[in-house]
């Protein structure tokens, strides 16, 4: 049985441990015209939006080794591809950049699949 202090400390440590948040993985490559268009139209606003706060953007160059924490995610050769990942698991995938008119609605559909 833990003392009151030990219980409080254990609870504090448990609550302060970082949780694995959702991320929007963007598979990209140098010279990708649609990646550049995304970078012009969406990327500057992304971190300022609700979508960006729920799933921060993380870029992965398809010509570099896949980061170890993404080992369970199928890599793409088509760029850009956006993969919503939560706690290391793929939730949804969007191949290509459909332009700013459609992108936000498609991302909202992806984020709707996250656990609340």
PDB file of N, CA and C in Angstrom:
ATOM      1  N   UNK A   1       0.842  -1.179   0.000  1.00  0.00           N
ATOM      2  CA  UNK A   1       0.000   0.000   0.000  1.00  0.00           C
ATOM      3  C   UNK A   1       0.887   1.242   0.000  1.00  0.00           C
ATOM      4  N   UNK A   2       0.586   2.176  -0.867  1.00  0.00           N
ATOM      5  CA  UNK A   2       1.375   3.394  -0.967  1.00  0.00           C
ATOM      6  C   UNK A   2       0.904   4.423   0.042  1.00  0.00           C
ATOM      7  N   UNK A   3       1.847   5.210   0.552  1.00  0.00           N
ATOM      8  CA  UNK A   3       1.496   6.322   1.428  1.00  0.00           C
ATOM      9  C   UNK A   3       0.791   7.385   0.600  1.00  0.00           C
ATOM     10  N   UNK A   4       0.189   8.365   1.245  1.00  0.00           N
ATOM     11  CA  UNK A   4      -0.490   9.455   0.542  1.00  0.00           C
ATOM     12  C   UNK A   4       0.447  10.198  -0.385  1.00  0.00           C
ATOM     13  N   UNK A   5       1.663  10.478   0.078  1.00  0.00           N
ATOM     14  CA  UNK A   5       2.635  11.186  -0.749  1.00  0.00           C
ATOM     15  C   UNK A   5       3.031  10.346  -1.957  1.00  0.00           C
ATOM     16  N   UNK A   6       3.298   9.063  -1.724  1.00  0.00           N
ATOM     17  CA  UNK A   6       3.715   8.181  -2.820  1.00  0.00           C
ATOM     18  C   UNK A   6       2.593   8.033  -3.844  1.00  0.00           C
ATOM     19  N   UNK A   7       1.353   7.958  -3.382  1.00  0.00           N
ATOM     20  CA  UNK A   7       0.216   7.853  -4.294  1.00  0.00           C
ATOM     21  C   UNK A   7       0.089   9.115  -5.133  1.00  0.00           C
ATOM     22  N   UNK A   8       0.210  10.279  -4.470  1.00  0.00           N
ATOM     23  CA  UNK A   8       0.125  11.544  -5.189  1.00  0.00           C
ATOM     24  C   UNK A   8       1.254  11.667  -6.210  1.00  0.00           C
ATOM     25  N   UNK A   9       2.470  11.252  -5.815  1.00  0.00           N
ATOM     26  CA  UNK A   9       3.612  11.312  -6.727  1.00  0.00           C
ATOM     27  C   UNK A   9       3.402  10.389  -7.925  1.00  0.00           C
ATOM     28  N   UNK A  10       2.928   9.179  -7.672  1.00  0.00           N
ATOM     29  CA  UNK A  10       2.678   8.233  -8.767  1.00  0.00           C
ATOM     30  C   UNK A  10       1.611   8.776  -9.718  1.00  0.00           C
ATOM     31  N   UNK A  11       0.572   9.397  -9.151  1.00  0.00           N
ATOM     32  CA  UNK A  11      -0.480   9.974  -9.978  1.00  0.00           C
ATOM     33  C   UNK A  11       0.074  11.129 -10.807  1.00  0.00           C
ATOM     34  N   UNK A  12       0.876  11.988 -10.189  1.00  0.00           N
ATOM     35  CA  UNK A  12       1.474  13.119 -10.898  1.00  0.00           C
ATOM     36  C   UNK A  12       2.364  12.640 -12.040  1.00  0.00           C
ATOM     37  N   UNK A  13       3.204  11.657 -11.776  1.00  0.00           N
ATOM     38  CA  UNK A  13       4.097  11.130 -12.808  1.00  0.00           C
ATOM     39  C   UNK A  13       3.287  10.528 -13.948  1.00  0.00           C
ATOM     40  N   UNK A  14       2.243   9.804 -13.611  1.00  0.00           N
ATOM     41  CA  UNK A  14       1.396   9.210 -14.641  1.00  0.00           C
ATOM     42  C   UNK A  14       0.700  10.248 -15.490  1.00  0.00           C
ATOM     43  N   UNK A  15       0.249  11.337 -14.856  1.00  0.00           N
ATOM     44  CA  UNK A  15      -0.447  12.378 -15.597  1.00  0.00           C
ATOM     45  C   UNK A  15       0.500  13.248 -16.408  1.00  0.00           C
ATOM     46  N   UNK A  16       1.746  13.356 -15.965  1.00  0.00           N
ATOM     47  CA  UNK A  16       2.667  14.232 -16.675  1.00  0.00           C
ATOM     48  C   UNK A  16       3.430  13.512 -17.779  1.00  0.00           C
ATOM     49  N   UNK A  17       3.293  12.195 -17.881  1.00  0.00           N
ATOM     50  CA  UNK A  17       3.969  11.461 -18.947  1.00  0.00           C
ATOM     51  C   UNK A  17       3.359  11.869 -20.282  1.00  0.00           C
ATOM     52  N   UNK A  18       4.184  12.131 -21.273  1.00  0.00           N
ATOM     53  CA  UNK A  18       3.639  12.565 -22.556  1.00  0.00           C
ATOM     54  C   UNK A  18       2.827  11.463 -23.217  1.00  0.00           C
ATOM     55  N   UNK A  19       1.675  11.824 -23.718  1.00  0.00           N
ATOM     56  CA  UNK A  19       0.843  10.876 -24.449  1.00  0.00           C
ATOM     57  C   UNK A  19       1.226  10.966 -25.916  1.00  0.00           C
ATOM     58  N   UNK A  20       1.107   9.855 -26.618  1.00  0.00           N
ATOM     59  CA  UNK A  20       1.378   9.872 -28.048  1.00  0.00           C
ATOM     60  C   UNK A  20       0.200  10.549 -28.736  1.00  0.00           C
ATOM     61  N   UNK A  21       0.438  11.701 -29.296  1.00  0.00           N
ATOM     62  CA  UNK A  21      -0.619  12.454 -29.963  1.00  0.00           C
ATOM     63  C   UNK A  21      -0.728  12.021 -31.419  1.00  0.00           C
ATOM     64  N   UNK A  22      -1.846  12.371 -31.992  1.00  0.00           N
ATOM     65  CA  UNK A  22      -2.033  12.117 -33.419  1.00  0.00           C
ATOM     66  C   UNK A  22      -1.084  13.015 -34.206  1.00  0.00           C
ATOM     67  N   UNK A  23      -0.684  12.547 -35.374  1.00  0.00           N
ATOM     68  CA  UNK A  23       0.164  13.310 -36.284  1.00  0.00           C
ATOM     69  C   UNK A  23      -0.356  13.129 -37.694  1.00  0.00           C
ATOM     70  N   UNK A  24      -0.164  14.157 -38.505  1.00  0.00           N
ATOM     71  CA  UNK A  24      -0.441  14.038 -39.929  1.00  0.00           C
ATOM     72  C   UNK A  24       0.918  13.896 -40.608  1.00  0.00           C
ATOM     73  N   UNK A  25       1.201  12.699 -41.074  1.00  0.00           N
ATOM     74  CA  UNK A  25       2.459  12.432 -41.754  1.00  0.00           C
ATOM     75  C   UNK A  25       2.293  12.828 -43.221  1.00  0.00           C
ATOM     76  N   UNK A  26       3.207  13.625 -43.714  1.00  0.00           N
ATOM     77  CA  UNK A  26       3.203  14.005 -45.132  1.00  0.00           C
ATOM     78  C   UNK A  26       4.401  13.340 -45.794  1.00  0.00           C
ATOM     79  N   UNK A  27       4.139  12.340 -46.625  1.00  0.00           N
ATOM     80  CA  UNK A  27       5.200  11.738 -47.429  1.00  0.00           C
ATOM     81  C   UNK A  27       5.444  12.678 -48.610  1.00  0.00           C
ATOM     82  N   UNK A  28       6.693  13.101 -48.783  1.00  0.00           N
ATOM     83  CA  UNK A  28       7.042  14.064 -49.822  1.00  0.00           C
ATOM     84  C   UNK A  28       8.376  13.698 -50.446  1.00  0.00           C
ATOM     85  N   UNK A  29       8.719  14.422 -51.515  1.00  0.00           N
ATOM     86  CA  UNK A  29      10.028  14.247 -52.141  1.00  0.00           C
ATOM     87  C   UNK A  29      10.431  15.542 -52.821  1.00  0.00           C
ATOM     88  N   UNK A  30      11.731  15.763 -52.938  1.00  0.00           N
ATOM     89  CA  UNK A  30      12.205  16.968 -53.615  1.00  0.00           C
ATOM     90  C   UNK A  30      11.691  17.009 -55.057  1.00  0.00           C
ATOM     91  N   UNK A  31      11.311  18.211 -55.486  1.00  0.00           N
ATOM     92  CA  UNK A  31      10.847  18.387 -56.861  1.00  0.00           C
ATOM     93  C   UNK A  31       9.378  18.078 -57.080  1.00  0.00           C
ATOM     94  N   UNK A  32       8.670  17.667 -56.054  1.00  0.00           N
ATOM     95  CA  UNK A  32       7.245  17.335 -56.182  1.00  0.00           C
ATOM     96  C   UNK A  32       6.444  18.630 -56.324  1.00  0.00           C
ATOM     97  N   UNK A  33       5.852  18.827 -57.488  1.00  0.00           N
ATOM     98  CA  UNK A  33       5.102  20.043 -57.773  1.00  0.00           C
ATOM     99  C   UNK A  33       3.901  20.184 -56.847  1.00  0.00           C
ATOM    100  N   UNK A  34       3.195  19.082 -56.581  1.00  0.00           N
ATOM    101  CA  UNK A  34       2.009  19.144 -55.720  1.00  0.00           C
ATOM    102  C   UNK A  34       2.394  19.363 -54.263  1.00  0.00           C
ATOM    103  N   UNK A  35       3.578  18.882 -53.860  1.00  0.00           N
ATOM    104  CA  UNK A  35       4.088  19.177 -52.518  1.00  0.00           C
ATOM    105  C   UNK A  35       4.344  20.678 -52.384  1.00  0.00           C
ATOM    106  N   UNK A  36       4.946  21.265 -53.422  1.00  0.00           N
ATOM    107  CA  UNK A  36       5.219  22.707 -53.404  1.00  0.00           C
ATOM    108  C   UNK A  36       3.919  23.504 -53.334  1.00  0.00           C
ATOM    109  N   UNK A  37       2.926  23.037 -54.050  1.00  0.00           N
ATOM    110  CA  UNK A  37       1.637  23.737 -54.021  1.00  0.00           C
ATOM    111  C   UNK A  37       1.020  23.647 -52.629  1.00  0.00           C
ATOM    112  N   UNK A  38       1.080  22.472 -52.005  1.00  0.00           N
ATOM    113  CA  UNK A  38       0.615  22.325 -50.616  1.00  0.00           C
ATOM    114  C   UNK A  38       1.381  23.287 -49.714  1.00  0.00           C
ATOM    115  N   UNK A  39       2.699  23.361 -49.909  1.00  0.00           N
ATOM    116  CA  UNK A  39       3.536  24.233 -49.083  1.00  0.00           C
ATOM    117  C   UNK A  39       3.133  25.700 -49.214  1.00  0.00           C
ATOM    118  N   UNK A  40       2.669  26.096 -50.372  1.00  0.00           N
ATOM    119  CA  UNK A  40       2.238  27.477 -50.590  1.00  0.00           C
ATOM    120  C   UNK A  40       0.834  27.740 -50.043  1.00  0.00           C
ATOM    121  N   UNK A  41      -0.081  26.790 -50.261  1.00  0.00           N
ATOM    122  CA  UNK A  41      -1.491  27.024 -49.970  1.00  0.00           C
ATOM    123  C   UNK A  41      -1.934  26.616 -48.566  1.00  0.00           C
ATOM    124  N   UNK A  42      -1.329  25.593 -48.000  1.00  0.00           N
ATOM    125  CA  UNK A  42      -1.835  25.022 -46.742  1.00  0.00           C
ATOM    126  C   UNK A  42      -0.814  25.081 -45.605  1.00  0.00           C
ATOM    127  N   UNK A  43       0.425  24.726 -45.890  1.00  0.00           N
ATOM    128  CA  UNK A  43       1.430  24.564 -44.826  1.00  0.00           C
ATOM    129  C   UNK A  43       1.551  25.770 -43.889  1.00  0.00           C
ATOM    130  N   UNK A  44       1.559  27.012 -44.388  1.00  0.00           N
ATOM    131  CA  UNK A  44       1.702  28.128 -43.447  1.00  0.00           C
ATOM    132  C   UNK A  44       0.550  28.218 -42.434  1.00  0.00           C
ATOM    133  N   UNK A  45      -0.640  27.834 -42.848  1.00  0.00           N
ATOM    134  CA  UNK A  45      -1.807  27.930 -41.969  1.00  0.00           C
ATOM    135  C   UNK A  45      -1.962  26.715 -41.063  1.00  0.00           C
ATOM    136  N   UNK A  46      -1.419  25.580 -41.471  1.00  0.00           N
ATOM    137  CA  UNK A  46      -1.671  24.317 -40.763  1.00  0.00           C
ATOM    138  C   UNK A  46      -1.513  24.406 -39.238  1.00  0.00           C
ATOM    139  N   UNK A  47      -0.398  24.873 -38.711  1.00  0.00           N
ATOM    140  CA  UNK A  47      -0.241  24.868 -37.245  1.00  0.00           C
ATOM    141  C   UNK A  47      -1.191  25.828 -36.525  1.00  0.00           C
ATOM    142  N   UNK A  48      -1.820  26.743 -37.249  1.00  0.00           N
ATOM    143  CA  UNK A  48      -2.729  27.721 -36.648  1.00  0.00           C
ATOM    144  C   UNK A  48      -4.178  27.247 -36.642  1.00  0.00           C
ATOM    145  N   UNK A  49      -4.439  26.098 -37.238  1.00  0.00           N
ATOM    146  CA  UNK A  49      -5.812  25.610 -37.374  1.00  0.00           C
ATOM    147  C   UNK A  49      -6.120  24.550 -36.326  1.00  0.00           C
ATOM    148  N   UNK A  50      -7.412  24.302 -36.142  1.00  0.00           N
ATOM    149  CA  UNK A  50      -7.840  23.221 -35.241  1.00  0.00           C
ATOM    150  C   UNK A  50      -7.289  21.883 -35.737  1.00  0.00           C
ATOM    151  N   UNK A  51      -7.312  21.680 -37.054  1.00  0.00           N
ATOM    152  CA  UNK A  51      -6.792  20.441 -37.626  1.00  0.00           C
ATOM    153  C   UNK A  51      -5.311  20.279 -37.290  1.00  0.00           C
ATOM    154  N   UNK A  52      -4.557  21.347 -37.421  1.00  0.00           N
ATOM    155  CA  UNK A  52      -3.135  21.315 -37.130  1.00  0.00           C
ATOM    156  C   UNK A  52      -2.819  21.097 -35.666  1.00  0.00           C
ATOM    157  N   UNK A  53      -3.690  21.603 -34.794  1.00  0.00           N
ATOM    158  CA  UNK A  53      -3.489  21.361 -33.361  1.00  0.00           C
ATOM    159  C   UNK A  53      -3.822  19.926 -32.995  1.00  0.00           C
ATOM    160  N   UNK A  54      -4.817  19.340 -33.644  1.00  0.00           N
ATOM    161  CA  UNK A  54      -5.179  17.935 -33.369  1.00  0.00           C
ATOM    162  C   UNK A  54      -4.156  16.962 -33.921  1.00  0.00           C
ATOM    163  N   UNK A  55      -3.562  17.315 -35.063  1.00  0.00           N
ATOM    164  CA  UNK A  55      -2.612  16.415 -35.717  1.00  0.00           C
ATOM    165  C   UNK A  55      -1.500  17.251 -36.353  1.00  0.00           C
ATOM    166  N   UNK A  56      -0.473  17.580 -35.587  1.00  0.00           N
ATOM    167  CA  UNK A  56       0.634  18.362 -36.151  1.00  0.00           C
ATOM    168  C   UNK A  56       1.234  17.679 -37.381  1.00  0.00           C
ATOM    169  N   UNK A  57       1.675  18.504 -38.320  1.00  0.00           N
ATOM    170  CA  UNK A  57       2.251  18.002 -39.564  1.00  0.00           C
ATOM    171  C   UNK A  57       3.675  17.519 -39.325  1.00  0.00           C
ATOM    172  N   UNK A  58       3.958  16.352 -39.831  1.00  0.00           N
ATOM    173  CA  UNK A  58       5.307  15.782 -39.766  1.00  0.00           C
ATOM    174  C   UNK A  58       5.675  15.326 -41.169  1.00  0.00           C
ATOM    175  N   UNK A  59       6.774  15.817 -41.661  1.00  0.00           N
ATOM    176  CA  UNK A  59       7.192  15.511 -43.025  1.00  0.00           C
ATOM    177  C   UNK A  59       8.170  14.338 -43.058  1.00  0.00           C
ATOM    178  N   UNK A  60       7.979  13.480 -44.050  1.00  0.00           N
ATOM    179  CA  UNK A  60       8.863  12.332 -44.245  1.00  0.00           C
ATOM    180  C   UNK A  60       9.232  12.272 -45.722  1.00  0.00           C
ATOM    181  N   UNK A  61      10.515  12.385 -46.007  1.00  0.00           N
ATOM    182  CA  UNK A  61      11.027  12.284 -47.370  1.00  0.00           C
ATOM    183  C   UNK A  61      11.037  10.803 -47.753  1.00  0.00           C
ATOM    184  N   UNK A  62      10.392  10.468 -48.860  1.00  0.00           N
ATOM    185  CA  UNK A  62      10.286   9.052 -49.242  1.00  0.00           C
ATOM    186  C   UNK A  62      11.619   8.450 -49.668  1.00  0.00           C
ATOM    187  N   UNK A  63      12.626   9.280 -49.902  1.00  0.00           N
ATOM    188  CA  UNK A  63      13.941   8.777 -50.307  1.00  0.00           C
ATOM    189  C   UNK A  63      14.881   8.569 -49.119  1.00  0.00           C
ATOM    190  N   UNK A  64      14.405   8.884 -47.925  1.00  0.00           N
ATOM    191  CA  UNK A  64      15.189   8.690 -46.711  1.00  0.00           C
ATOM    192  C   UNK A  64      14.660   7.461 -45.973  1.00  0.00           C
ATOM    193  N   UNK A  65      15.468   6.870 -45.088  1.00  0.00           N
ATOM    194  CA  UNK A  65      14.954   5.733 -44.305  1.00  0.00           C
ATOM    195  C   UNK A  65      13.724   6.146 -43.498  1.00  0.00           C
ATOM    196  N   UNK A  66      12.778   5.260 -43.413  1.00  0.00           N
ATOM    197  CA  UNK A  66      11.561   5.511 -42.655  1.00  0.00           C
ATOM    198  C   UNK A  66      11.900   5.566 -41.170  1.00  0.00           C
ATOM    199  N   UNK A  67      11.442   6.600 -40.445  1.00  0.00           N
ATOM    200  CA  UNK A  67      11.701   6.653 -39.007  1.00  0.00           C
ATOM    201  C   UNK A  67      11.171   5.400 -38.310  1.00  0.00           C
ATOM    202  N   UNK A  68      11.890   4.941 -37.312  1.00  0.00           N
ATOM    203  CA  UNK A  68      11.554   3.695 -36.615  1.00  0.00           C
ATOM    204  C   UNK A  68      10.137   3.691 -36.063  1.00  0.00           C
ATOM    205  N   UNK A  69       9.657   4.846 -35.589  1.00  0.00           N
ATOM    206  CA  UNK A  69       8.319   4.875 -34.998  1.00  0.00           C
ATOM    207  C   UNK A  69       7.209   4.782 -36.044  1.00  0.00           C
ATOM    208  N   UNK A  70       7.568   4.812 -37.319  1.00  0.00           N
ATOM    209  CA  UNK A  70       6.587   4.668 -38.395  1.00  0.00           C
ATOM    210  C   UNK A  70       6.729   3.327 -39.125  1.00  0.00           C
ATOM    211  N   UNK A  71       7.439   2.403 -38.531  1.00  0.00           N
ATOM    212  CA  UNK A  71       7.720   1.116 -39.180  1.00  0.00           C
ATOM    213  C   UNK A  71       6.455   0.363 -39.590  1.00  0.00           C
ATOM    214  N   UNK A  72       5.366   0.558 -38.890  1.00  0.00           N
ATOM    215  CA  UNK A  72       4.124  -0.142 -39.209  1.00  0.00           C
ATOM    216  C   UNK A  72       3.272   0.548 -40.256  1.00  0.00           C
ATOM    217  N   UNK A  73       3.751   1.662 -40.781  1.00  0.00           N
ATOM    218  CA  UNK A  73       3.000   2.446 -41.762  1.00  0.00           C
ATOM    219  C   UNK A  73       3.579   2.177 -43.157  1.00  0.00           C
ATOM    220  N   UNK A  74       2.713   1.844 -44.095  1.00  0.00           N
ATOM    221  CA  UNK A  74       3.179   1.595 -45.468  1.00  0.00           C
ATOM    222  C   UNK A  74       3.685   2.888 -46.073  1.00  0.00           C
ATOM    223  N   UNK A  75       4.896   2.845 -46.610  1.00  0.00           N
ATOM    224  CA  UNK A  75       5.488   4.026 -47.242  1.00  0.00           C
ATOM    225  C   UNK A  75       4.870   4.203 -48.619  1.00  0.00           C
ATOM    226  N   UNK A  76       4.838   5.423 -49.057  1.00  0.00           N
ATOM    227  CA  UNK A  76       4.265   5.768 -50.351  1.00  0.00           C
ATOM    228  C   UNK A  76       5.355   6.153 -51.329  1.00  0.00           C
ATOM    229  N   UNK A  77       5.093   5.973 -52.597  1.00  0.00           N
ATOM    230  CA  UNK A  77       5.959   6.493 -53.661  1.00  0.00           C
ATOM    231  C   UNK A  77       5.259   7.640 -54.372  1.00  0.00           C
ATOM    232  N   UNK A  78       3.967   7.780 -54.133  1.00  0.00           N
ATOM    233  CA  UNK A  78       3.175   8.859 -54.713  1.00  0.00           C
ATOM    234  C   UNK A  78       3.171  10.006 -53.718  1.00  0.00           C
ATOM    235  N   UNK A  79       3.592  11.190 -54.163  1.00  0.00           N
ATOM    236  CA  UNK A  79       3.660  12.320 -53.249  1.00  0.00           C
ATOM    237  C   UNK A  79       2.864  13.501 -53.789  1.00  0.00           C
ATOM    238  N   UNK A  80       2.311  14.288 -52.880  1.00  0.00           N
ATOM    239  CA  UNK A  80       2.296  14.038 -51.453  1.00  0.00           C
ATOM    240  C   UNK A  80       1.223  13.019 -51.086  1.00  0.00           C
ATOM    241  N   UNK A  81       1.475  12.313 -50.021  1.00  0.00           N
ATOM    242  CA  UNK A  81       0.471  11.464 -49.396  1.00  0.00           C
ATOM    243  C   UNK A  81       0.427  11.844 -47.933  1.00  0.00           C
ATOM    244  N   UNK A  82      -0.775  11.989 -47.411  1.00  0.00           N
ATOM    245  CA  UNK A  82      -0.991  12.377 -46.026  1.00  0.00           C
ATOM    246  C   UNK A  82      -1.564  11.189 -45.276  1.00  0.00           C
ATOM    247  N   UNK A  83      -0.909  10.812 -44.173  1.00  0.00           N
ATOM    248  CA  UNK A  83      -1.341   9.665 -43.379  1.00  0.00           C
ATOM    249  C   UNK A  83      -1.577  10.150 -41.958  1.00  0.00           C
ATOM    250  N   UNK A  84      -2.810   9.995 -41.496  1.00  0.00           N
ATOM    251  CA  UNK A  84      -3.144  10.332 -40.118  1.00  0.00           C
ATOM    252  C   UNK A  84      -2.773   9.142 -39.250  1.00  0.00           C
ATOM    253  N   UNK A  85      -1.899   9.400 -38.278  1.00  0.00           N
ATOM    254  CA  UNK A  85      -1.395   8.349 -37.386  1.00  0.00           C
ATOM    255  C   UNK A  85      -1.746   8.736 -35.957  1.00  0.00           C
ATOM    256  N   UNK A  86      -2.237   7.771 -35.196  1.00  0.00           N
ATOM    257  CA  UNK A  86      -2.525   8.001 -33.782  1.00  0.00           C
ATOM    258  C   UNK A  86      -1.990   6.823 -32.987  1.00  0.00           C
ATOM    259  N   UNK A  87      -1.138   7.111 -32.021  1.00  0.00           N
ATOM    260  CA  UNK A  87      -0.513   6.107 -31.173  1.00  0.00           C
ATOM    261  C   UNK A  87       0.141   5.009 -32.008  1.00  0.00           C
ATOM    262  N   UNK A  88       0.819   5.433 -33.076  1.00  0.00           N
ATOM    263  CA  UNK A  88       1.560   4.516 -33.919  1.00  0.00           C
ATOM    264  C   UNK A  88       0.736   3.739 -34.926  1.00  0.00           C
ATOM    265  N   UNK A  89      -0.574   3.981 -34.966  1.00  0.00           N
ATOM    266  CA  UNK A  89      -1.457   3.249 -35.878  1.00  0.00           C
ATOM    267  C   UNK A  89      -2.008   4.176 -36.950  1.00  0.00           C
ATOM    268  N   UNK A  90      -2.034   3.682 -38.182  1.00  0.00           N
ATOM    269  CA  UNK A  90      -2.630   4.456 -39.269  1.00  0.00           C
ATOM    270  C   UNK A  90      -4.138   4.523 -39.081  1.00  0.00           C
ATOM    271  N   UNK A  91      -4.681   5.726 -39.168  1.00  0.00           N
ATOM    272  CA  UNK A  91      -6.118   5.946 -39.036  1.00  0.00           C
ATOM    273  C   UNK A  91      -6.756   6.191 -40.406  1.00  0.00           C
ATOM    274  N   UNK A  92      -6.092   6.998 -41.237  1.00  0.00           N
ATOM    275  CA  UNK A  92      -6.635   7.335 -42.553  1.00  0.00           C
ATOM    276  C   UNK A  92      -5.504   7.812 -43.454  1.00  0.00           C
ATOM    277  N   UNK A  93      -5.767   7.778 -44.765  1.00  0.00           N
ATOM    278  CA  UNK A  93      -4.743   8.136 -45.747  1.00  0.00           C
ATOM    279  C   UNK A  93      -5.384   8.916 -46.891  1.00  0.00           C
ATOM    280  N   UNK A  94      -4.676   9.953 -47.328  1.00  0.00           N
ATOM    281  CA  UNK A  94      -5.093  10.768 -48.474  1.00  0.00           C
ATOM    282  C   UNK A  94      -3.934  10.806 -49.449  1.00  0.00           C
ATOM    283  N   UNK A  95      -4.140  10.210 -50.619  1.00  0.00           N
ATOM    284  CA  UNK A  95      -3.100  10.201 -51.650  1.00  0.00           C
ATOM    285  C   UNK A  95      -3.298  11.394 -52.561  1.00  0.00           C
ATOM    286  N   UNK A  96      -2.259  12.218 -52.643  1.00  0.00           N
ATOM    287  CA  UNK A  96      -2.309  13.388 -53.501  1.00  0.00           C
ATOM    288  C   UNK A  96      -2.809  14.613 -52.759  1.00  0.00           C
ATOM    289  N   UNK A  97      -2.625  15.738 -53.389  1.00  0.00           N
ATOM    290  CA  UNK A  97      -3.107  17.011 -52.865  1.00  0.00           C
ATOM    291  C   UNK A  97      -4.161  17.532 -53.826  1.00  0.00           C
ATOM    292  N   UNK A  98      -5.433  17.557 -53.409  1.00  0.00           N
ATOM    293  CA  UNK A  98      -6.519  17.936 -54.308  1.00  0.00           C
ATOM    294  C   UNK A  98      -6.749  19.435 -54.452  1.00  0.00           C
ATOM    295  N   UNK A  99      -5.866  20.250 -53.878  1.00  0.00           N
ATOM    296  CA  UNK A  99      -6.049  21.696 -53.898  1.00  0.00           C
ATOM    297  C   UNK A  99      -6.734  22.168 -52.631  1.00  0.00           C
ATOM    298  N   UNK A 100      -6.579  23.452 -52.340  1.00  0.00           N
ATOM    299  CA  UNK A 100      -7.076  23.976 -51.072  1.00  0.00           C
ATOM    300  C   UNK A 100      -8.597  23.921 -50.942  1.00  0.00           C
ATOM    301  N   UNK A 101      -9.314  23.902 -52.051  1.00  0.00           N
ATOM    302  CA  UNK A 101     -10.784  23.858 -51.998  1.00  0.00           C
ATOM    303  C   UNK A 101     -11.297  22.557 -51.376  1.00  0.00           C
ATOM    304  N   UNK A 102     -10.618  21.445 -51.643  1.00  0.00           N
ATOM    305  CA  UNK A 102     -11.092  20.140 -51.181  1.00  0.00           C
ATOM    306  C   UNK A 102     -10.289  19.592 -50.005  1.00  0.00           C
ATOM    307  N   UNK A 103      -9.065  20.058 -49.853  1.00  0.00           N
ATOM    308  CA  UNK A 103      -8.160  19.478 -48.853  1.00  0.00           C
ATOM    309  C   UNK A 103      -8.736  19.516 -47.445  1.00  0.00           C
ATOM    310  N   UNK A 104      -9.238  20.689 -47.017  1.00  0.00           N
ATOM    311  CA  UNK A 104      -9.705  20.820 -45.634  1.00  0.00           C
ATOM    312  C   UNK A 104     -10.859  19.872 -45.334  1.00  0.00           C
ATOM    313  N   UNK A 105     -11.797  19.718 -46.252  1.00  0.00           N
ATOM    314  CA  UNK A 105     -12.932  18.816 -46.029  1.00  0.00           C
ATOM    315  C   UNK A 105     -12.463  17.373 -45.928  1.00  0.00           C
ATOM    316  N   UNK A 106     -11.510  16.988 -46.762  1.00  0.00           N
ATOM    317  CA  UNK A 106     -10.986  15.619 -46.717  1.00  0.00           C
ATOM    318  C   UNK A 106     -10.229  15.371 -45.412  1.00  0.00           C
ATOM    319  N   UNK A 107      -9.488  16.356 -44.963  1.00  0.00           N
ATOM    320  CA  UNK A 107      -8.766  16.229 -43.696  1.00  0.00           C
ATOM    321  C   UNK A 107      -9.754  16.131 -42.537  1.00  0.00           C
ATOM    322  N   UNK A 108     -10.830  16.916 -42.578  1.00  0.00           N
ATOM    323  CA  UNK A 108     -11.846  16.827 -41.535  1.00  0.00           C
ATOM    324  C   UNK A 108     -12.447  15.422 -41.476  1.00  0.00           C
ATOM    325  N   UNK A 109     -12.662  14.818 -42.634  1.00  0.00           N
ATOM    326  CA  UNK A 109     -13.164  13.434 -42.666  1.00  0.00           C
ATOM    327  C   UNK A 109     -12.157  12.481 -42.017  1.00  0.00           C
ATOM    328  N   UNK A 110     -10.896  12.698 -42.276  1.00  0.00           N
ATOM    329  CA  UNK A 110      -9.844  11.861 -41.682  1.00  0.00           C
ATOM    330  C   UNK A 110      -9.837  12.024 -40.161  1.00  0.00           C
ATOM    331  N   UNK A 111      -9.861  13.273 -39.705  1.00  0.00           N
ATOM    332  CA  UNK A 111      -9.793  13.545 -38.263  1.00  0.00           C
ATOM    333  C   UNK A 111     -11.029  13.051 -37.529  1.00  0.00           C
ATOM    334  N   UNK A 112     -12.161  12.961 -38.215  1.00  0.00           N
ATOM    335  CA  UNK A 112     -13.390  12.454 -37.600  1.00  0.00           C
ATOM    336  C   UNK A 112     -13.225  10.996 -37.179  1.00  0.00           C
ATOM    337  N   UNK A 113     -12.259  10.304 -37.728  1.00  0.00           N
ATOM    338  CA  UNK A 113     -12.021   8.894 -37.394  1.00  0.00           C
ATOM    339  C   UNK A 113     -11.204   8.710 -36.121  1.00  0.00           C
ATOM    340  N   UNK A 114     -10.656   9.818 -35.592  1.00  0.00           N
ATOM    341  CA  UNK A 114      -9.900   9.740 -34.344  1.00  0.00           C
ATOM    342  C   UNK A 114     -10.839   9.508 -33.168  1.00  0.00           C
ATOM    343  N   UNK A 115     -10.341   8.797 -32.171  1.00  0.00           N
ATOM    344  CA  UNK A 115     -11.092   8.647 -30.933  1.00  0.00           C
ATOM    345  C   UNK A 115     -11.210  10.029 -30.288  1.00  0.00           C
ATOM    346  N   UNK A 116     -12.344  10.344 -29.677  1.00  0.00           N
ATOM    347  CA  UNK A 116     -12.481  11.673 -29.044  1.00  0.00           C
ATOM    348  C   UNK A 116     -11.549  11.836 -27.859  1.00  0.00           C
TER     349      UNK A 116
END
